Amino acid sequence: MNFREIFNNDRQKVRNIIRLVTKENADVCEDLEQEVYIKAFKNKEKYKEKGKFTNWLTTITYNVSRDYLKCAKKKNETDFTDETVFINIKDKKANPEERLLQRERQERITNAINSLNKKHKEVIILSEIEHISYEDIARRLNCPVGTVKSRIYNAKKELFNILKDLM
């Protein structure tokens, strides 16, 4: 696999995807483009020649772009003014009723997770509680990333149905 050739062949496609997804300026897009190629190079042994390399690289590009947007959104959410900080300050001393309600809510969530089938429970715990990436979960479970995503989606759907009165 000649990365110099790949870099030249797919460079414009990678740039276009990044610009389309992130809508950022050229400097940010260039940084993200470099990240795409670094990830592709580091994970080249994971590429299976069942499909086109361009499709694999496109997936990496979309994932890097989406990860960037998630981080940018979180950063914007943490930019507080003095007024919003003051409004969001909570009394750290919860009253007994609030503690009881919180404990009951937590027990219901735990019971709902425990009621899931083994595969759904496993992916929910890994992704939502341990905060492990889809790719790492797929490696741990020795299954495709698409399967992990599907299981997480179905598990969340089932949890929503069980816990919809808490929403």
N, C-alpha and C. Protein backbone atom coordinates (compact mmCIF):
# COMPACT_ATOMS: atom_id res chain seq x y z
N MET A 1 0.85 -1.17 0.00
CA MET A 1 0.00 0.00 0.00
C MET A 1 0.90 1.24 0.00
N ASN A 2 0.87 1.99 -1.07
CA ASN A 2 1.71 3.17 -1.22
C ASN A 2 0.93 4.41 -0.77
N PHE A 3 1.26 4.93 0.40
CA PHE A 3 0.50 6.05 0.95
C PHE A 3 0.71 7.35 0.18
N ARG A 4 1.85 7.51 -0.42
CA ARG A 4 2.08 8.72 -1.22
C ARG A 4 1.10 8.76 -2.40
N GLU A 5 0.90 7.60 -3.03
CA GLU A 5 -0.02 7.50 -4.16
C GLU A 5 -1.47 7.72 -3.70
N ILE A 6 -1.82 7.11 -2.58
CA ILE A 6 -3.17 7.26 -2.02
C ILE A 6 -3.41 8.72 -1.65
N PHE A 7 -2.42 9.32 -1.02
CA PHE A 7 -2.50 10.72 -0.61
C PHE A 7 -2.82 11.60 -1.82
N ASN A 8 -2.13 11.36 -2.93
CA ASN A 8 -2.36 12.17 -4.13
C ASN A 8 -3.68 11.87 -4.81
N ASN A 9 -4.08 10.60 -4.83
CA ASN A 9 -5.32 10.21 -5.52
C ASN A 9 -6.58 10.67 -4.79
N ASP A 10 -6.60 10.56 -3.46
CA ASP A 10 -7.82 10.81 -2.70
C ASP A 10 -7.80 12.13 -1.93
N ARG A 11 -6.80 12.91 -2.12
CA ARG A 11 -6.63 14.14 -1.34
C ARG A 11 -7.82 15.09 -1.49
N GLN A 12 -8.25 15.33 -2.71
CA GLN A 12 -9.35 16.27 -2.93
C GLN A 12 -10.65 15.75 -2.34
N LYS A 13 -10.88 14.44 -2.46
CA LYS A 13 -12.10 13.85 -1.91
C LYS A 13 -12.12 14.01 -0.38
N VAL A 14 -10.99 13.74 0.26
CA VAL A 14 -10.89 13.88 1.71
C VAL A 14 -11.15 15.33 2.11
N ARG A 15 -10.53 16.27 1.42
CA ARG A 15 -10.74 17.69 1.72
C ARG A 15 -12.20 18.09 1.57
N ASN A 16 -12.83 17.64 0.50
CA ASN A 16 -14.23 18.00 0.25
C ASN A 16 -15.14 17.47 1.34
N ILE A 17 -14.91 16.24 1.78
CA ILE A 17 -15.74 15.66 2.84
C ILE A 17 -15.58 16.46 4.12
N ILE A 18 -14.34 16.78 4.47
CA ILE A 18 -14.08 17.54 5.70
C ILE A 18 -14.78 18.89 5.64
N ARG A 19 -14.65 19.58 4.53
CA ARG A 19 -15.29 20.90 4.40
C ARG A 19 -16.81 20.78 4.47
N LEU A 20 -17.34 19.77 3.81
CA LEU A 20 -18.78 19.57 3.79
C LEU A 20 -19.33 19.28 5.19
N VAL A 21 -18.66 18.41 5.93
CA VAL A 21 -19.14 18.01 7.25
C VAL A 21 -18.91 19.10 8.29
N THR A 22 -17.70 19.68 8.31
CA THR A 22 -17.36 20.61 9.39
C THR A 22 -17.69 22.06 9.09
N LYS A 23 -17.69 22.42 7.82
CA LYS A 23 -17.92 23.82 7.40
C LYS A 23 -16.91 24.77 8.07
N GLU A 24 -15.68 24.29 8.23
CA GLU A 24 -14.63 25.06 8.88
C GLU A 24 -13.71 25.71 7.85
N ASN A 25 -12.82 26.59 8.36
CA ASN A 25 -11.88 27.28 7.48
C ASN A 25 -10.77 26.32 7.04
N ALA A 26 -9.94 26.79 6.12
CA ALA A 26 -8.91 25.94 5.50
C ALA A 26 -7.90 25.42 6.51
N ASP A 27 -7.53 26.23 7.50
CA ASP A 27 -6.55 25.78 8.49
C ASP A 27 -7.05 24.58 9.28
N VAL A 28 -8.28 24.66 9.75
CA VAL A 28 -8.86 23.55 10.51
C VAL A 28 -8.99 22.33 9.62
N CYS A 29 -9.45 22.53 8.39
CA CYS A 29 -9.61 21.41 7.46
C CYS A 29 -8.27 20.74 7.17
N GLU A 30 -7.23 21.52 7.06
CA GLU A 30 -5.90 20.96 6.83
C GLU A 30 -5.45 20.11 8.01
N ASP A 31 -5.71 20.58 9.22
CA ASP A 31 -5.36 19.81 10.42
C ASP A 31 -6.14 18.49 10.45
N LEU A 32 -7.42 18.56 10.13
CA LEU A 32 -8.24 17.35 10.12
C LEU A 32 -7.80 16.39 9.02
N GLU A 33 -7.41 16.93 7.89
CA GLU A 33 -6.92 16.10 6.80
C GLU A 33 -5.67 15.33 7.24
N GLN A 34 -4.77 16.02 7.93
CA GLN A 34 -3.57 15.35 8.44
C GLN A 34 -3.94 14.25 9.42
N GLU A 35 -4.93 14.52 10.25
CA GLU A 35 -5.37 13.51 11.22
C GLU A 35 -5.93 12.29 10.51
N VAL A 36 -6.66 12.50 9.41
CA VAL A 36 -7.20 11.38 8.63
C VAL A 36 -6.07 10.50 8.13
N TYR A 37 -5.05 11.11 7.54
CA TYR A 37 -3.94 10.32 6.99
C TYR A 37 -3.13 9.64 8.08
N ILE A 38 -3.00 10.27 9.22
CA ILE A 38 -2.29 9.64 10.34
C ILE A 38 -3.06 8.42 10.81
N LYS A 39 -4.39 8.57 10.97
CA LYS A 39 -5.21 7.44 11.41
C LYS A 39 -5.17 6.31 10.38
N ALA A 40 -5.24 6.66 9.10
CA ALA A 40 -5.19 5.64 8.05
C ALA A 40 -3.86 4.90 8.09
N PHE A 41 -2.78 5.64 8.26
CA PHE A 41 -1.46 5.02 8.30
C PHE A 41 -1.31 4.12 9.52
N LYS A 42 -1.75 4.61 10.68
CA LYS A 42 -1.63 3.83 11.91
C LYS A 42 -2.49 2.57 11.87
N ASN A 43 -3.60 2.61 11.15
CA ASN A 43 -4.54 1.49 11.12
C ASN A 43 -4.53 0.73 9.80
N LYS A 44 -3.47 0.89 9.02
CA LYS A 44 -3.43 0.28 7.69
C LYS A 44 -3.57 -1.24 7.73
N GLU A 45 -3.10 -1.87 8.82
CA GLU A 45 -3.21 -3.33 8.91
C GLU A 45 -4.66 -3.77 9.12
N LYS A 46 -5.53 -2.86 9.51
CA LYS A 46 -6.94 -3.20 9.74
C LYS A 46 -7.75 -3.18 8.44
N TYR A 47 -7.18 -2.56 7.41
CA TYR A 47 -7.89 -2.50 6.14
C TYR A 47 -7.94 -3.88 5.52
N LYS A 48 -9.13 -4.32 5.20
CA LYS A 48 -9.31 -5.62 4.55
C LYS A 48 -9.66 -5.34 3.10
N GLU A 49 -9.01 -5.98 2.20
CA GLU A 49 -9.15 -5.67 0.78
C GLU A 49 -10.44 -6.23 0.18
N LYS A 50 -11.49 -6.27 0.96
CA LYS A 50 -12.79 -6.72 0.46
C LYS A 50 -13.48 -5.59 -0.32
N GLY A 51 -13.22 -4.36 0.08
CA GLY A 51 -13.82 -3.21 -0.58
C GLY A 51 -12.75 -2.26 -1.08
N LYS A 52 -13.18 -1.15 -1.61
CA LYS A 52 -12.22 -0.17 -2.13
C LYS A 52 -11.55 0.56 -0.97
N PHE A 53 -10.28 0.84 -1.16
CA PHE A 53 -9.54 1.57 -0.13
C PHE A 53 -10.13 2.97 0.03
N THR A 54 -10.59 3.55 -1.05
CA THR A 54 -11.20 4.89 -1.00
C THR A 54 -12.39 4.91 -0.05
N ASN A 55 -13.20 3.86 -0.07
CA ASN A 55 -14.35 3.80 0.84
C ASN A 55 -13.90 3.74 2.30
N TRP A 56 -12.85 2.99 2.56
CA TRP A 56 -12.31 2.89 3.92
C TRP A 56 -11.79 4.24 4.37
N LEU A 57 -11.07 4.92 3.48
CA LEU A 57 -10.52 6.23 3.79
C LEU A 57 -11.65 7.25 3.98
N THR A 58 -12.71 7.13 3.20
CA THR A 58 -13.87 8.02 3.34
C THR A 58 -14.52 7.84 4.70
N THR A 59 -14.63 6.61 5.15
CA THR A 59 -15.20 6.34 6.48
C THR A 59 -14.36 6.99 7.57
N ILE A 60 -13.06 6.85 7.46
CA ILE A 60 -12.16 7.48 8.43
C ILE A 60 -12.35 8.99 8.41
N THR A 61 -12.46 9.55 7.22
CA THR A 61 -12.63 11.00 7.07
C THR A 61 -13.93 11.46 7.74
N TYR A 62 -15.03 10.76 7.49
CA TYR A 62 -16.30 11.13 8.13
C TYR A 62 -16.19 11.03 9.65
N ASN A 63 -15.56 9.97 10.14
CA ASN A 63 -15.44 9.79 11.59
C ASN A 63 -14.59 10.88 12.22
N VAL A 64 -13.48 11.23 11.59
CA VAL A 64 -12.63 12.31 12.11
C VAL A 64 -13.40 13.62 12.12
N SER A 65 -14.14 13.89 11.07
CA SER A 65 -14.92 15.13 10.98
C SER A 65 -16.01 15.18 12.04
N ARG A 66 -16.70 14.07 12.24
CA ARG A 66 -17.75 14.03 13.25
C ARG A 66 -17.17 14.15 14.66
N ASP A 67 -16.03 13.51 14.89
CA ASP A 67 -15.37 13.63 16.20
C ASP A 67 -15.00 15.08 16.47
N TYR A 68 -14.52 15.76 15.44
CA TYR A 68 -14.17 17.17 15.58
C TYR A 68 -15.40 17.98 15.97
N LEU A 69 -16.52 17.73 15.29
CA LEU A 69 -17.75 18.47 15.59
C LEU A 69 -18.22 18.21 17.02
N LYS A 70 -18.11 16.96 17.47
CA LYS A 70 -18.50 16.65 18.85
C LYS A 70 -17.65 17.43 19.84
N CYS A 71 -16.35 17.45 19.59
CA CYS A 71 -15.44 18.17 20.50
C CYS A 71 -15.72 19.67 20.45
N ALA A 72 -15.97 20.19 19.27
CA ALA A 72 -16.26 21.63 19.14
C ALA A 72 -17.56 21.98 19.85
N LYS A 73 -18.55 21.09 19.77
CA LYS A 73 -19.83 21.34 20.44
C LYS A 73 -19.63 21.35 21.95
N LYS A 74 -18.88 20.37 22.47
CA LYS A 74 -18.63 20.32 23.91
C LYS A 74 -17.88 21.55 24.37
N LYS A 75 -16.93 22.00 23.57
CA LYS A 75 -16.15 23.19 23.93
C LYS A 75 -17.08 24.41 24.01
N ASN A 76 -17.98 24.54 23.05
CA ASN A 76 -18.92 25.66 23.06
C ASN A 76 -19.86 25.60 24.25
N GLU A 77 -20.22 24.38 24.64
CA GLU A 77 -21.13 24.23 25.78
C GLU A 77 -20.46 24.60 27.09
N THR A 78 -19.12 24.51 27.14
CA THR A 78 -18.42 24.80 28.39
C THR A 78 -17.96 26.25 28.46
N ASP A 79 -18.22 27.03 27.43
CA ASP A 79 -17.88 28.46 27.47
C ASP A 79 -19.01 29.19 28.19
N PHE A 80 -18.83 29.46 29.48
CA PHE A 80 -19.87 30.07 30.29
C PHE A 80 -19.56 31.54 30.53
N THR A 81 -20.62 32.29 30.67
CA THR A 81 -20.48 33.66 31.16
C THR A 81 -20.66 33.59 32.67
N ASP A 82 -20.32 34.67 33.36
CA ASP A 82 -20.50 34.70 34.81
C ASP A 82 -21.95 34.47 35.19
N GLU A 83 -22.85 35.00 34.38
CA GLU A 83 -24.27 34.88 34.68
C GLU A 83 -24.74 33.43 34.57
N THR A 84 -24.32 32.72 33.51
CA THR A 84 -24.76 31.33 33.36
C THR A 84 -24.15 30.43 34.43
N VAL A 85 -22.93 30.73 34.84
CA VAL A 85 -22.31 29.94 35.91
C VAL A 85 -23.10 30.14 37.19
N PHE A 86 -23.43 31.36 37.50
CA PHE A 86 -24.18 31.66 38.73
C PHE A 86 -25.54 30.96 38.71
N ILE A 87 -26.22 30.97 37.57
CA ILE A 87 -27.53 30.36 37.46
C ILE A 87 -27.44 28.85 37.63
N ASN A 88 -26.35 28.25 37.13
CA ASN A 88 -26.22 26.80 37.16
C ASN A 88 -25.61 26.24 38.43
N ILE A 89 -25.24 27.09 39.38
CA ILE A 89 -24.69 26.61 40.64
C ILE A 89 -25.83 25.97 41.43
N LYS A 90 -25.58 24.74 41.89
CA LYS A 90 -26.61 24.04 42.65
C LYS A 90 -26.13 23.87 44.08
N ASP A 91 -27.08 23.78 44.95
CA ASP A 91 -26.78 23.51 46.34
C ASP A 91 -26.29 22.06 46.43
N LYS A 92 -25.08 21.88 46.94
CA LYS A 92 -24.50 20.54 46.99
C LYS A 92 -25.17 19.66 48.03
N LYS A 93 -25.91 20.26 48.90
CA LYS A 93 -26.60 19.49 49.93
C LYS A 93 -28.00 19.15 49.43
N ALA A 94 -28.12 17.97 48.85
CA ALA A 94 -29.44 17.54 48.39
C ALA A 94 -30.25 17.10 49.60
N ASN A 95 -31.52 17.41 49.55
CA ASN A 95 -32.37 17.00 50.67
C ASN A 95 -32.62 15.49 50.59
N PRO A 96 -33.06 14.89 51.66
CA PRO A 96 -33.26 13.44 51.69
C PRO A 96 -34.21 12.94 50.60
N GLU A 97 -35.24 13.72 50.31
CA GLU A 97 -36.19 13.30 49.27
C GLU A 97 -35.51 13.23 47.90
N GLU A 98 -34.70 14.23 47.58
CA GLU A 98 -33.98 14.24 46.31
C GLU A 98 -33.00 13.07 46.22
N ARG A 99 -32.31 12.79 47.33
CA ARG A 99 -31.37 11.66 47.34
C ARG A 99 -32.11 10.34 47.12
N LEU A 100 -33.26 10.19 47.74
CA LEU A 100 -34.06 8.98 47.59
C LEU A 100 -34.53 8.83 46.14
N LEU A 101 -35.04 9.90 45.56
CA LEU A 101 -35.50 9.86 44.17
C LEU A 101 -34.35 9.53 43.22
N GLN A 102 -33.19 10.14 43.47
CA GLN A 102 -32.02 9.88 42.64
C GLN A 102 -31.60 8.41 42.75
N ARG A 103 -31.60 7.88 43.97
CA ARG A 103 -31.22 6.48 44.19
C ARG A 103 -32.21 5.54 43.49
N GLU A 104 -33.52 5.84 43.58
CA GLU A 104 -34.53 5.01 42.93
C GLU A 104 -34.39 5.06 41.41
N ARG A 105 -34.12 6.25 40.92
CA ARG A 105 -33.92 6.42 39.47
C ARG A 105 -32.71 5.60 39.01
N GLN A 106 -31.62 5.68 39.75
CA GLN A 106 -30.42 4.95 39.41
C GLN A 106 -30.66 3.44 39.44
N GLU A 107 -31.41 2.98 40.43
CA GLU A 107 -31.75 1.55 40.52
C GLU A 107 -32.57 1.10 39.31
N ARG A 108 -33.52 1.93 38.90
CA ARG A 108 -34.34 1.59 37.72
C ARG A 108 -33.50 1.50 36.46
N ILE A 109 -32.56 2.43 36.32
CA ILE A 109 -31.68 2.41 35.15
C ILE A 109 -30.80 1.16 35.18
N THR A 110 -30.24 0.87 36.34
CA THR A 110 -29.40 -0.33 36.49
C THR A 110 -30.19 -1.59 36.19
N ASN A 111 -31.40 -1.68 36.72
CA ASN A 111 -32.25 -2.85 36.46
C ASN A 111 -32.61 -2.96 34.98
N ALA A 112 -32.85 -1.83 34.33
CA ALA A 112 -33.17 -1.84 32.91
C ALA A 112 -31.98 -2.35 32.10
N ILE A 113 -30.79 -1.87 32.43
CA ILE A 113 -29.58 -2.34 31.73
C ILE A 113 -29.40 -3.83 31.97
N ASN A 114 -29.60 -4.27 33.20
CA ASN A 114 -29.44 -5.69 33.52
C ASN A 114 -30.49 -6.57 32.84
N SER A 115 -31.62 -5.99 32.45
CA SER A 115 -32.67 -6.77 31.79
C SER A 115 -32.40 -6.97 30.30
N LEU A 116 -31.43 -6.24 29.76
CA LEU A 116 -31.09 -6.38 28.33
C LEU A 116 -30.46 -7.75 28.09
N ASN A 117 -30.55 -8.20 26.82
CA ASN A 117 -29.87 -9.46 26.52
C ASN A 117 -28.35 -9.23 26.60
N LYS A 118 -27.60 -10.29 26.69
CA LYS A 118 -26.16 -10.22 26.99
C LYS A 118 -25.41 -9.29 26.02
N LYS A 119 -25.68 -9.43 24.72
CA LYS A 119 -24.95 -8.64 23.72
C LYS A 119 -25.26 -7.15 23.84
N HIS A 120 -26.52 -6.81 24.06
CA HIS A 120 -26.91 -5.41 24.19
C HIS A 120 -26.36 -4.82 25.48
N LYS A 121 -26.45 -5.58 26.56
CA LYS A 121 -25.94 -5.12 27.85
C LYS A 121 -24.44 -4.84 27.75
N GLU A 122 -23.74 -5.73 27.11
CA GLU A 122 -22.29 -5.62 26.98
C GLU A 122 -21.88 -4.34 26.25
N VAL A 123 -22.52 -4.04 25.11
CA VAL A 123 -22.14 -2.86 24.34
C VAL A 123 -22.56 -1.56 25.04
N ILE A 124 -23.69 -1.58 25.73
CA ILE A 124 -24.13 -0.38 26.45
C ILE A 124 -23.16 -0.05 27.57
N ILE A 125 -22.76 -1.06 28.31
CA ILE A 125 -21.81 -0.83 29.40
C ILE A 125 -20.49 -0.31 28.86
N LEU A 126 -19.99 -0.94 27.79
CA LEU A 126 -18.71 -0.51 27.22
C LEU A 126 -18.77 0.90 26.64
N SER A 127 -19.86 1.22 25.95
CA SER A 127 -19.90 2.53 25.28
C SER A 127 -20.37 3.65 26.20
N GLU A 128 -21.42 3.43 26.97
CA GLU A 128 -22.02 4.51 27.74
C GLU A 128 -21.46 4.65 29.15
N ILE A 129 -21.00 3.58 29.73
CA ILE A 129 -20.49 3.65 31.10
C ILE A 129 -18.97 3.74 31.12
N GLU A 130 -18.32 2.89 30.29
CA GLU A 130 -16.86 2.91 30.24
C GLU A 130 -16.32 3.87 29.18
N HIS A 131 -17.19 4.42 28.35
CA HIS A 131 -16.82 5.42 27.32
C HIS A 131 -15.74 4.91 26.38
N ILE A 132 -15.91 3.69 25.90
CA ILE A 132 -14.97 3.09 24.96
C ILE A 132 -15.50 3.35 23.55
N SER A 133 -14.60 3.64 22.62
CA SER A 133 -15.00 3.94 21.24
C SER A 133 -15.58 2.70 20.56
N TYR A 134 -16.36 2.93 19.51
CA TYR A 134 -16.96 1.83 18.76
C TYR A 134 -15.88 0.89 18.22
N GLU A 135 -14.80 1.47 17.73
CA GLU A 135 -13.73 0.67 17.15
C GLU A 135 -13.10 -0.24 18.21
N ASP A 136 -12.85 0.31 19.40
CA ASP A 136 -12.26 -0.50 20.46
C ASP A 136 -13.23 -1.58 20.95
N ILE A 137 -14.50 -1.25 20.99
CA ILE A 137 -15.50 -2.25 21.37
C ILE A 137 -15.51 -3.38 20.34
N ALA A 138 -15.47 -3.00 19.06
CA ALA A 138 -15.46 -4.01 17.99
C ALA A 138 -14.25 -4.93 18.14
N ARG A 139 -13.10 -4.35 18.45
CA ARG A 139 -11.90 -5.17 18.65
C ARG A 139 -12.07 -6.10 19.85
N ARG A 140 -12.60 -5.56 20.94
CA ARG A 140 -12.80 -6.37 22.15
C ARG A 140 -13.74 -7.54 21.91
N LEU A 141 -14.82 -7.26 21.18
CA LEU A 141 -15.85 -8.27 20.96
C LEU A 141 -15.60 -9.10 19.70
N ASN A 142 -14.56 -8.72 18.96
CA ASN A 142 -14.20 -9.42 17.73
C ASN A 142 -15.37 -9.46 16.74
N CYS A 143 -15.93 -8.27 16.49
CA CYS A 143 -17.02 -8.16 15.54
C CYS A 143 -16.87 -6.83 14.78
N PRO A 144 -17.56 -6.67 13.66
CA PRO A 144 -17.46 -5.42 12.90
C PRO A 144 -18.02 -4.22 13.66
N VAL A 145 -17.52 -3.03 13.33
CA VAL A 145 -17.99 -1.80 13.96
C VAL A 145 -19.48 -1.60 13.69
N GLY A 146 -19.92 -1.96 12.50
CA GLY A 146 -21.34 -1.84 12.16
C GLY A 146 -22.23 -2.66 13.09
N THR A 147 -21.75 -3.83 13.48
CA THR A 147 -22.49 -4.67 14.41
C THR A 147 -22.58 -4.00 15.77
N VAL A 148 -21.47 -3.40 16.19
CA VAL A 148 -21.45 -2.68 17.47
C VAL A 148 -22.46 -1.55 17.44
N LYS A 149 -22.44 -0.76 16.36
CA LYS A 149 -23.37 0.36 16.24
C LYS A 149 -24.82 -0.11 16.26
N SER A 150 -25.09 -1.20 15.56
CA SER A 150 -26.44 -1.75 15.52
C SER A 150 -26.89 -2.22 16.90
N ARG A 151 -26.01 -2.90 17.61
CA ARG A 151 -26.35 -3.37 18.96
C ARG A 151 -26.60 -2.20 19.90
N ILE A 152 -25.78 -1.17 19.81
CA ILE A 152 -25.96 0.00 20.67
C ILE A 152 -27.30 0.67 20.36
N TYR A 153 -27.59 0.83 19.08
CA TYR A 153 -28.86 1.45 18.68
C TYR A 153 -30.04 0.65 19.24
N ASN A 154 -30.01 -0.66 19.05
CA ASN A 154 -31.12 -1.50 19.52
C ASN A 154 -31.21 -1.50 21.05
N ALA A 155 -30.07 -1.50 21.72
CA ALA A 155 -30.07 -1.46 23.19
C ALA A 155 -30.66 -0.15 23.69
N LYS A 156 -30.27 0.97 23.07
CA LYS A 156 -30.80 2.27 23.48
C LYS A 156 -32.31 2.35 23.23
N LYS A 157 -32.73 1.79 22.12
CA LYS A 157 -34.15 1.77 21.80
C LYS A 157 -34.92 0.98 22.85
N GLU A 158 -34.39 -0.16 23.23
CA GLU A 158 -35.02 -0.99 24.25
C GLU A 158 -35.03 -0.28 25.61
N LEU A 159 -33.92 0.36 25.96
CA LEU A 159 -33.85 1.10 27.23
C LEU A 159 -34.85 2.25 27.23
N PHE A 160 -34.97 2.92 26.11
CA PHE A 160 -35.93 4.02 26.01
C PHE A 160 -37.35 3.51 26.29
N ASN A 161 -37.68 2.36 25.71
CA ASN A 161 -39.02 1.81 25.92
C ASN A 161 -39.25 1.42 27.37
N ILE A 162 -38.21 0.91 28.02
CA ILE A 162 -38.34 0.50 29.41
C ILE A 162 -38.43 1.73 30.33
N LEU A 163 -37.64 2.76 30.00
CA LEU A 163 -37.50 3.91 30.91
C LEU A 163 -38.17 5.19 30.41
N LYS A 164 -39.08 5.09 29.45
CA LYS A 164 -39.63 6.31 28.85
C LYS A 164 -40.34 7.21 29.86
N ASP A 165 -40.85 6.66 30.95
CA ASP A 165 -41.50 7.51 31.95
C ASP A 165 -40.49 8.35 32.73
N LEU A 166 -39.21 8.00 32.67
CA LEU A 166 -38.17 8.80 33.33
C LEU A 166 -37.69 9.96 32.46
N MET A 167 -38.00 9.89 31.18
CA MET A 167 -37.49 10.90 30.24
C MET A 167 -38.23 12.20 30.41
